[in-house]
């Protein structure tokens, strides 16, 4: 079970990287072939940006998280303008092979240094919120199943011991998923939401009055890899949710027998 928008983004990114690899291959390519590859990259990227922007705008967020979302939407708009500029340059009739190669090199560097880091941060926001939404849906399903088991117990027509065992396992997985999602949200909030909050008057003075403390290697690593941590935690949460959902299917099969 994966968040659909994030999964689609990963597929698009894979296609873009494949196209870039073609452009960088040692094979001798004509100017038209290189232009076609770059246009493919630009088209896929613009589609990716449109999908991400729509998904971001559809998210139900509180004020604090909305400020971060608005920043990412603006960043995606700027990225779209960058790609549009590349399209304009490629459309010039007298563009040379060297100029096309230069555009490809600029695009590669820009994606690595600017776009990809922003894409990871944007994708993580979507992943966290969608994971939380999926968890809520599955949790409601668990509650309904629990109520159904109680009804079966009252009727005394079915032995519910195995069903209760499966439900307990599913609820354990959902509890783990909640812990993982909460941890991912906490890390993400500190790294990617707090920086966009309005600064309270006097907060800068308070911070300046506090002597800086040295970070341990582990803390430095955590700060550097915070987005990777968020993504890993959210994906682990989705695995736990999937495990719970699979147990629901087992319970359904058990009742039908």
C-alpha atoms as a PDB file:
ATOM      1  CA  UNK A   1       0.000   0.000   0.000  1.00  0.00           C
ATOM      2  CA  UNK A   2       1.589   3.243  -1.091  1.00  0.00           C
ATOM      3  CA  UNK A   3       0.417   6.825  -1.220  1.00  0.00           C
ATOM      4  CA  UNK A   4      -0.640   7.183  -4.899  1.00  0.00           C
ATOM      5  CA  UNK A   5       0.632  10.697  -5.574  1.00  0.00           C
ATOM      6  CA  UNK A   6       4.067   9.934  -4.152  1.00  0.00           C
ATOM      7  CA  UNK A   7       4.236   6.654  -6.067  1.00  0.00           C
ATOM      8  CA  UNK A   8       3.363   8.449  -9.304  1.00  0.00           C
ATOM      9  CA  UNK A   9       6.056  11.027  -8.594  1.00  0.00           C
ATOM     10  CA  UNK A  10       8.664   8.288  -8.105  1.00  0.00           C
ATOM     11  CA  UNK A  11       7.710   6.764 -11.475  1.00  0.00           C
ATOM     12  CA  UNK A  12       7.930  10.154 -13.190  1.00  0.00           C
ATOM     13  CA  UNK A  13      11.327  10.822 -11.623  1.00  0.00           C
ATOM     14  CA  UNK A  14      12.538   7.440 -12.858  1.00  0.00           C
ATOM     15  CA  UNK A  15      11.419   8.260 -16.405  1.00  0.00           C
ATOM     16  CA  UNK A  16      13.142  11.645 -16.246  1.00  0.00           C
ATOM     17  CA  UNK A  17      16.390  10.118 -14.979  1.00  0.00           C
ATOM     18  CA  UNK A  18      16.251   7.534 -17.780  1.00  0.00           C
ATOM     19  CA  UNK A  19      15.824  10.276 -20.358  1.00  0.00           C
ATOM     20  CA  UNK A  20      18.728  12.233 -18.882  1.00  0.00           C
ATOM     21  CA  UNK A  21      20.865   9.094 -18.983  1.00  0.00           C
ATOM     22  CA  UNK A  22      20.102   8.750 -22.697  1.00  0.00           C
ATOM     23  CA  UNK A  23      21.251  12.315 -23.282  1.00  0.00           C
ATOM     24  CA  UNK A  24      24.490  11.660 -21.387  1.00  0.00           C
ATOM     25  CA  UNK A  25      25.234   8.338 -23.084  1.00  0.00           C
ATOM     26  CA  UNK A  26      28.467   8.013 -25.112  1.00  0.00           C
ATOM     27  CA  UNK A  27      26.376   7.308 -28.205  1.00  0.00           C
ATOM     28  CA  UNK A  28      26.652  10.050 -30.829  1.00  0.00           C
ATOM     29  CA  UNK A  29      23.323  11.878 -30.944  1.00  0.00           C
ATOM     30  CA  UNK A  30      22.178  14.511 -33.417  1.00  0.00           C
ATOM     31  CA  UNK A  31      20.960  17.912 -32.303  1.00  0.00           C
ATOM     32  CA  UNK A  32      17.354  16.886 -33.016  1.00  0.00           C
ATOM     33  CA  UNK A  33      17.708  13.692 -30.988  1.00  0.00           C
ATOM     34  CA  UNK A  34      19.099  15.626 -28.037  1.00  0.00           C
ATOM     35  CA  UNK A  35      16.321  18.197 -28.310  1.00  0.00           C
ATOM     36  CA  UNK A  36      13.731  15.419 -28.354  1.00  0.00           C
ATOM     37  CA  UNK A  37      15.189  13.892 -25.181  1.00  0.00           C
ATOM     38  CA  UNK A  38      15.259  17.245 -23.388  1.00  0.00           C
ATOM     39  CA  UNK A  39      11.677  17.969 -24.448  1.00  0.00           C
ATOM     40  CA  UNK A  40      10.721  14.566 -23.011  1.00  0.00           C
ATOM     41  CA  UNK A  41      12.369  15.485 -19.713  1.00  0.00           C
ATOM     42  CA  UNK A  42      10.674  18.892 -19.643  1.00  0.00           C
ATOM     43  CA  UNK A  43       7.247  17.483 -20.488  1.00  0.00           C
ATOM     44  CA  UNK A  44       7.502  14.779 -17.794  1.00  0.00           C
ATOM     45  CA  UNK A  45       8.746  17.342 -15.274  1.00  0.00           C
ATOM     46  CA  UNK A  46       5.917  19.765 -16.001  1.00  0.00           C
ATOM     47  CA  UNK A  47       3.421  16.931 -15.572  1.00  0.00           C
ATOM     48  CA  UNK A  48       5.103  16.027 -12.279  1.00  0.00           C
ATOM     49  CA  UNK A  49       4.876  19.624 -11.064  1.00  0.00           C
ATOM     50  CA  UNK A  50       1.200  19.899 -12.041  1.00  0.00           C
ATOM     51  CA  UNK A  51       0.377  16.654 -10.200  1.00  0.00           C
ATOM     52  CA  UNK A  52       2.274  17.691  -7.075  1.00  0.00           C
ATOM     53  CA  UNK A  53       0.724  21.160  -7.050  1.00  0.00           C
ATOM     54  CA  UNK A  54      -2.793  19.744  -7.343  1.00  0.00           C
ATOM     55  CA  UNK A  55      -2.119  17.211  -4.596  1.00  0.00           C
ATOM     56  CA  UNK A  56      -0.638  19.835  -2.284  1.00  0.00           C
ATOM     57  CA  UNK A  57      -3.611  22.153  -2.759  1.00  0.00           C
ATOM     58  CA  UNK A  58      -6.015  19.305  -1.970  1.00  0.00           C
ATOM     59  CA  UNK A  59      -4.389  18.546   1.392  1.00  0.00           C
ATOM     60  CA  UNK A  60      -6.382  19.471   4.482  1.00  0.00           C
ATOM     61  CA  UNK A  61      -3.875  21.271   6.703  1.00  0.00           C
ATOM     62  CA  UNK A  62      -3.913  23.556   9.707  1.00  0.00           C
ATOM     63  CA  UNK A  63      -2.441  27.053   9.572  1.00  0.00           C
ATOM     64  CA  UNK A  64       1.108  26.067  10.537  1.00  0.00           C
ATOM     65  CA  UNK A  65       1.381  23.308   7.945  1.00  0.00           C
ATOM     66  CA  UNK A  66      -0.382  25.436   5.314  1.00  0.00           C
ATOM     67  CA  UNK A  67       2.459  27.961   5.421  1.00  0.00           C
ATOM     68  CA  UNK A  68       4.927  25.233   4.464  1.00  0.00           C
ATOM     69  CA  UNK A  69       2.547  23.957   1.770  1.00  0.00           C
ATOM     70  CA  UNK A  70       2.223  27.442   0.277  1.00  0.00           C
ATOM     71  CA  UNK A  71       6.003  27.717   0.119  1.00  0.00           C
ATOM     72  CA  UNK A  72       6.293  24.405  -1.745  1.00  0.00           C
ATOM     73  CA  UNK A  73       3.538  25.402  -4.185  1.00  0.00           C
ATOM     74  CA  UNK A  74       5.416  28.630  -4.917  1.00  0.00           C
ATOM     75  CA  UNK A  75       8.664  26.707  -5.366  1.00  0.00           C
ATOM     76  CA  UNK A  76       6.991  24.355  -7.841  1.00  0.00           C
ATOM     77  CA  UNK A  77       5.644  27.355  -9.759  1.00  0.00           C
ATOM     78  CA  UNK A  78       9.171  28.747 -10.011  1.00  0.00           C
ATOM     79  CA  UNK A  79      10.408  25.366 -11.214  1.00  0.00           C
ATOM     80  CA  UNK A  80       7.693  25.311 -13.875  1.00  0.00           C
ATOM     81  CA  UNK A  81       8.848  28.732 -15.079  1.00  0.00           C
ATOM     82  CA  UNK A  82      12.404  27.400 -15.299  1.00  0.00           C
ATOM     83  CA  UNK A  83      11.278  24.512 -17.519  1.00  0.00           C
ATOM     84  CA  UNK A  84       9.221  26.883 -19.670  1.00  0.00           C
ATOM     85  CA  UNK A  85      12.346  28.982 -20.179  1.00  0.00           C
ATOM     86  CA  UNK A  86      14.240  25.894 -21.335  1.00  0.00           C
ATOM     87  CA  UNK A  87      11.443  25.084 -23.793  1.00  0.00           C
ATOM     88  CA  UNK A  88      11.719  28.582 -25.247  1.00  0.00           C
ATOM     89  CA  UNK A  89      15.480  28.220 -25.704  1.00  0.00           C
ATOM     90  CA  UNK A  90      15.116  24.810 -27.356  1.00  0.00           C
ATOM     91  CA  UNK A  91      12.482  26.177 -29.739  1.00  0.00           C
ATOM     92  CA  UNK A  92      14.947  28.628 -31.300  1.00  0.00           C
ATOM     93  CA  UNK A  93      15.555  27.641 -34.918  1.00  0.00           C
ATOM     94  CA  UNK A  94      19.235  28.515 -34.949  1.00  0.00           C
ATOM     95  CA  UNK A  95      20.125  26.737 -31.701  1.00  0.00           C
ATOM     96  CA  UNK A  96      23.427  24.893 -32.027  1.00  0.00           C
ATOM     97  CA  UNK A  97      24.427  21.438 -30.792  1.00  0.00           C
ATOM     98  CA  UNK A  98      26.780  23.021 -28.247  1.00  0.00           C
ATOM     99  CA  UNK A  99      23.943  25.180 -26.903  1.00  0.00           C
ATOM    100  CA  UNK A 100      21.727  22.109 -26.567  1.00  0.00           C
ATOM    101  CA  UNK A 101      24.482  20.325 -24.652  1.00  0.00           C
ATOM    102  CA  UNK A 102      24.855  23.396 -22.434  1.00  0.00           C
ATOM    103  CA  UNK A 103      21.120  23.384 -21.682  1.00  0.00           C
ATOM    104  CA  UNK A 104      21.320  19.683 -20.791  1.00  0.00           C
ATOM    105  CA  UNK A 105      24.257  20.309 -18.452  1.00  0.00           C
ATOM    106  CA  UNK A 106      22.498  23.250 -16.777  1.00  0.00           C
ATOM    107  CA  UNK A 107      19.338  21.185 -16.356  1.00  0.00           C
ATOM    108  CA  UNK A 108      21.210  18.286 -14.774  1.00  0.00           C
ATOM    109  CA  UNK A 109      22.998  20.550 -12.291  1.00  0.00           C
ATOM    110  CA  UNK A 110      19.796  22.455 -11.442  1.00  0.00           C
ATOM    111  CA  UNK A 111      17.863  19.258 -10.798  1.00  0.00           C
ATOM    112  CA  UNK A 112      20.601  17.877  -8.542  1.00  0.00           C
ATOM    113  CA  UNK A 113      21.231  21.027  -6.514  1.00  0.00           C
ATOM    114  CA  UNK A 114      17.844  22.757  -6.467  1.00  0.00           C
ATOM    115  CA  UNK A 115      14.900  20.728  -7.713  1.00  0.00           C
ATOM    116  CA  UNK A 116      15.525  17.245  -6.297  1.00  0.00           C
ATOM    117  CA  UNK A 117      16.052  18.398  -2.659  1.00  0.00           C
ATOM    118  CA  UNK A 118      12.876  20.512  -2.883  1.00  0.00           C
ATOM    119  CA  UNK A 119      11.037  17.593  -4.487  1.00  0.00           C
ATOM    120  CA  UNK A 120      12.026  15.296  -1.621  1.00  0.00           C
ATOM    121  CA  UNK A 121      10.775  17.791   0.958  1.00  0.00           C
ATOM    122  CA  UNK A 122       7.536  18.385  -0.942  1.00  0.00           C
ATOM    123  CA  UNK A 123       6.974  14.673  -1.462  1.00  0.00           C
ATOM    124  CA  UNK A 124       7.482  13.992   2.225  1.00  0.00           C
ATOM    125  CA  UNK A 125       4.739  16.443   3.178  1.00  0.00           C
ATOM    126  CA  UNK A 126       2.327  14.647   0.857  1.00  0.00           C
ATOM    127  CA  UNK A 127       3.504  11.233   2.036  1.00  0.00           C
ATOM    128  CA  UNK A 128       2.994  12.070   5.715  1.00  0.00           C
ATOM    129  CA  UNK A 129      -0.499  13.499   5.280  1.00  0.00           C
ATOM    130  CA  UNK A 130      -1.638  10.719   2.954  1.00  0.00           C
ATOM    131  CA  UNK A 131      -0.232   8.073   5.299  1.00  0.00           C
ATOM    132  CA  UNK A 132      -2.134   9.672   8.169  1.00  0.00           C
ATOM    133  CA  UNK A 133      -5.327   9.690   6.092  1.00  0.00           C
ATOM    134  CA  UNK A 134      -4.968   6.034   5.100  1.00  0.00           C
ATOM    135  CA  UNK A 135      -4.298   5.123   8.731  1.00  0.00           C
ATOM    136  CA  UNK A 136      -7.519   6.846   9.785  1.00  0.00           C
ATOM    137  CA  UNK A 137      -9.557   4.914   7.224  1.00  0.00           C
ATOM    138  CA  UNK A 138      -8.081   1.563   8.231  1.00  0.00           C
ATOM    139  CA  UNK A 139      -8.465   2.375  11.928  1.00  0.00           C
ATOM    140  CA  UNK A 140     -12.193   2.981  11.380  1.00  0.00           C
ATOM    141  CA  UNK A 141     -12.355  -0.378   9.616  1.00  0.00           C
ATOM    142  CA  UNK A 142     -10.728  -2.033  12.654  1.00  0.00           C
ATOM    143  CA  UNK A 143     -13.265  -0.405  14.974  1.00  0.00           C
ATOM    144  CA  UNK A 144     -16.168  -1.602  12.819  1.00  0.00           C
ATOM    145  CA  UNK A 145     -14.776  -5.143  12.725  1.00  0.00           C
ATOM    146  CA  UNK A 146     -14.402  -5.096  16.500  1.00  0.00           C
ATOM    147  CA  UNK A 147     -18.061  -4.122  16.863  1.00  0.00           C
ATOM    148  CA  UNK A 148     -19.081  -6.850  14.409  1.00  0.00           C
ATOM    149  CA  UNK A 149     -17.198  -9.452  16.458  1.00  0.00           C
ATOM    150  CA  UNK A 150     -19.058  -8.353  19.585  1.00  0.00           C
ATOM    151  CA  UNK A 151     -22.348  -8.879  17.755  1.00  0.00           C
ATOM    152  CA  UNK A 152     -21.241 -12.368  16.687  1.00  0.00           C
ATOM    153  CA  UNK A 153     -20.330 -13.164  20.300  1.00  0.00           C
ATOM    154  CA  UNK A 154     -23.834 -12.210  21.433  1.00  0.00           C
ATOM    155  CA  UNK A 155     -25.408 -14.418  18.760  1.00  0.00           C
ATOM    156  CA  UNK A 156     -23.112 -17.319  19.733  1.00  0.00           C
ATOM    157  CA  UNK A 157     -23.292 -18.692  16.207  1.00  0.00           C
ATOM    158  CA  UNK A 158     -19.589 -18.409  15.365  1.00  0.00           C
ATOM    159  CA  UNK A 159     -16.420 -19.129  17.308  1.00  0.00           C
ATOM    160  CA  UNK A 160     -14.670 -15.753  17.242  1.00  0.00           C
ATOM    161  CA  UNK A 161     -11.401 -16.749  18.956  1.00  0.00           C
ATOM    162  CA  UNK A 162      -9.370 -16.684  15.722  1.00  0.00           C
ATOM    163  CA  UNK A 163     -11.057 -13.468  14.594  1.00  0.00           C
ATOM    164  CA  UNK A 164     -10.135 -11.821  17.887  1.00  0.00           C
ATOM    165  CA  UNK A 165      -6.552 -12.988  17.464  1.00  0.00           C
ATOM    166  CA  UNK A 166      -6.344 -11.489  13.968  1.00  0.00           C
ATOM    167  CA  UNK A 167      -7.964  -8.249  15.161  1.00  0.00           C
ATOM    168  CA  UNK A 168      -5.480  -7.952  18.040  1.00  0.00           C
ATOM    169  CA  UNK A 169      -2.606  -8.377  15.575  1.00  0.00           C
ATOM    170  CA  UNK A 170      -4.136  -5.796  13.239  1.00  0.00           C
ATOM    171  CA  UNK A 171      -4.620  -3.302  16.065  1.00  0.00           C
ATOM    172  CA  UNK A 172      -1.003  -3.861  17.118  1.00  0.00           C
ATOM    173  CA  UNK A 173       0.141  -3.059  13.581  1.00  0.00           C
ATOM    174  CA  UNK A 174      -2.038   0.046  13.503  1.00  0.00           C
ATOM    175  CA  UNK A 175      -0.620   1.181  16.834  1.00  0.00           C
ATOM    176  CA  UNK A 176       2.906   0.755  15.461  1.00  0.00           C
ATOM    177  CA  UNK A 177       1.874   2.669  12.343  1.00  0.00           C
ATOM    178  CA  UNK A 178       0.595   5.550  14.470  1.00  0.00           C
ATOM    179  CA  UNK A 179       3.859   5.700  16.439  1.00  0.00           C
ATOM    180  CA  UNK A 180       5.899   5.724  13.217  1.00  0.00           C
ATOM    181  CA  UNK A 181       3.720   8.385  11.596  1.00  0.00           C
ATOM    182  CA  UNK A 182       3.824  10.602  14.687  1.00  0.00           C
ATOM    183  CA  UNK A 183       7.614  10.367  14.765  1.00  0.00           C
ATOM    184  CA  UNK A 184       7.824  11.206  11.054  1.00  0.00           C
ATOM    185  CA  UNK A 185       5.538  14.218  11.596  1.00  0.00           C
ATOM    186  CA  UNK A 186       7.598  15.463  14.531  1.00  0.00           C
ATOM    187  CA  UNK A 187      10.852  15.304  12.568  1.00  0.00           C
ATOM    188  CA  UNK A 188       9.278  16.884   9.499  1.00  0.00           C
ATOM    189  CA  UNK A 189       7.577  19.621  11.499  1.00  0.00           C
ATOM    190  CA  UNK A 190      10.882  20.669  13.058  1.00  0.00           C
ATOM    191  CA  UNK A 191      12.829  20.525   9.794  1.00  0.00           C
ATOM    192  CA  UNK A 192      10.309  21.772   7.241  1.00  0.00           C
ATOM    193  CA  UNK A 193       7.350  23.473   8.926  1.00  0.00           C
ATOM    194  CA  UNK A 194       8.841  25.487  11.793  1.00  0.00           C
ATOM    195  CA  UNK A 195      11.123  27.546   9.462  1.00  0.00           C
ATOM    196  CA  UNK A 196       8.038  29.076   7.791  1.00  0.00           C
ATOM    197  CA  UNK A 197       6.282  30.113  10.982  1.00  0.00           C
ATOM    198  CA  UNK A 198       6.094  33.834  11.874  1.00  0.00           C
ATOM    199  CA  UNK A 199       8.933  34.848  14.186  1.00  0.00           C
ATOM    200  CA  UNK A 200       7.701  36.044  17.558  1.00  0.00           C
ATOM    201  CA  UNK A 201       9.021  39.403  18.751  1.00  0.00           C
ATOM    202  CA  UNK A 202      12.059  38.971  20.974  1.00  0.00           C
ATOM    203  CA  UNK A 203      12.652  35.366  19.894  1.00  0.00           C
ATOM    204  CA  UNK A 204      15.828  36.295  18.021  1.00  0.00           C
ATOM    205  CA  UNK A 205      17.229  38.038  21.115  1.00  0.00           C
ATOM    206  CA  UNK A 206      16.484  35.008  23.235  1.00  0.00           C
ATOM    207  CA  UNK A 207      18.212  32.740  20.762  1.00  0.00           C
ATOM    208  CA  UNK A 208      21.253  35.010  20.585  1.00  0.00           C
ATOM    209  CA  UNK A 209      21.549  35.025  24.370  1.00  0.00           C
ATOM    210  CA  UNK A 210      21.828  31.242  24.456  1.00  0.00           C
ATOM    211  CA  UNK A 211      25.367  29.948  24.046  1.00  0.00           C
ATOM    212  CA  UNK A 212      25.627  27.535  21.088  1.00  0.00           C
ATOM    213  CA  UNK A 213      26.123  23.915  22.044  1.00  0.00           C
ATOM    214  CA  UNK A 214      28.171  21.432  20.100  1.00  0.00           C
ATOM    215  CA  UNK A 215      26.213  18.678  18.394  1.00  0.00           C
ATOM    216  CA  UNK A 216      27.170  15.056  18.680  1.00  0.00           C
ATOM    217  CA  UNK A 217      27.981  13.212  15.425  1.00  0.00           C
ATOM    218  CA  UNK A 218      24.658  11.386  15.729  1.00  0.00           C
ATOM    219  CA  UNK A 219      22.746  14.677  16.056  1.00  0.00           C
ATOM    220  CA  UNK A 220      24.569  16.158  13.077  1.00  0.00           C
ATOM    221  CA  UNK A 221      23.754  13.087  10.991  1.00  0.00           C
ATOM    222  CA  UNK A 222      20.111  13.230  12.064  1.00  0.00           C
ATOM    223  CA  UNK A 223      19.920  16.876  11.003  1.00  0.00           C
ATOM    224  CA  UNK A 224      21.493  16.157   7.613  1.00  0.00           C
ATOM    225  CA  UNK A 225      19.317  13.115   6.909  1.00  0.00           C
ATOM    226  CA  UNK A 226      16.020  14.349   8.363  1.00  0.00           C
ATOM    227  CA  UNK A 227      14.104  14.069   5.069  1.00  0.00           C
ATOM    228  CA  UNK A 228      15.367  10.521   4.517  1.00  0.00           C
ATOM    229  CA  UNK A 229      14.337   9.661   8.074  1.00  0.00           C
ATOM    230  CA  UNK A 230      10.854  11.046   7.478  1.00  0.00           C
ATOM    231  CA  UNK A 231      10.428   9.067   4.285  1.00  0.00           C
ATOM    232  CA  UNK A 232      11.686   5.825   5.843  1.00  0.00           C
ATOM    233  CA  UNK A 233       9.398   6.205   8.867  1.00  0.00           C
ATOM    234  CA  UNK A 234       6.352   6.940   6.704  1.00  0.00           C
ATOM    235  CA  UNK A 235       7.060   3.959   4.476  1.00  0.00           C
ATOM    236  CA  UNK A 236       7.433   1.699   7.511  1.00  0.00           C
ATOM    237  CA  UNK A 237       4.109   3.042   8.771  1.00  0.00           C
ATOM    238  CA  UNK A 238       2.479   2.142   5.459  1.00  0.00           C
ATOM    239  CA  UNK A 239       3.888  -1.389   5.758  1.00  0.00           C
ATOM    240  CA  UNK A 240       2.244  -1.747   9.171  1.00  0.00           C
ATOM    241  CA  UNK A 241      -1.050  -0.448   7.759  1.00  0.00           C
ATOM    242  CA  UNK A 242      -0.796  -2.915   4.886  1.00  0.00           C
ATOM    243  CA  UNK A 243      -0.189  -5.738   7.370  1.00  0.00           C
ATOM    244  CA  UNK A 244      -3.353  -4.763   9.244  1.00  0.00           C
ATOM    245  CA  UNK A 245      -5.359  -4.646   6.039  1.00  0.00           C
ATOM    246  CA  UNK A 246      -4.141  -8.116   5.033  1.00  0.00           C
ATOM    247  CA  UNK A 247      -5.352  -9.433   8.389  1.00  0.00           C
ATOM    248  CA  UNK A 248      -8.795  -7.997   7.640  1.00  0.00           C
ATOM    249  CA  UNK A 249      -8.893 -10.074   4.456  1.00  0.00           C
ATOM    250  CA  UNK A 250      -7.942 -13.174   6.451  1.00  0.00           C
ATOM    251  CA  UNK A 251     -10.773 -12.435   8.871  1.00  0.00           C
ATOM    252  CA  UNK A 252     -13.207 -12.034   5.998  1.00  0.00           C
ATOM    253  CA  UNK A 253     -12.116 -15.375   4.497  1.00  0.00           C
ATOM    254  CA  UNK A 254     -12.469 -17.016   7.901  1.00  0.00           C
ATOM    255  CA  UNK A 255     -16.077 -15.832   8.289  1.00  0.00           C
ATOM    256  CA  UNK A 256     -17.013 -17.089   4.812  1.00  0.00           C
ATOM    257  CA  UNK A 257     -15.784 -20.640   5.543  1.00  0.00           C
END
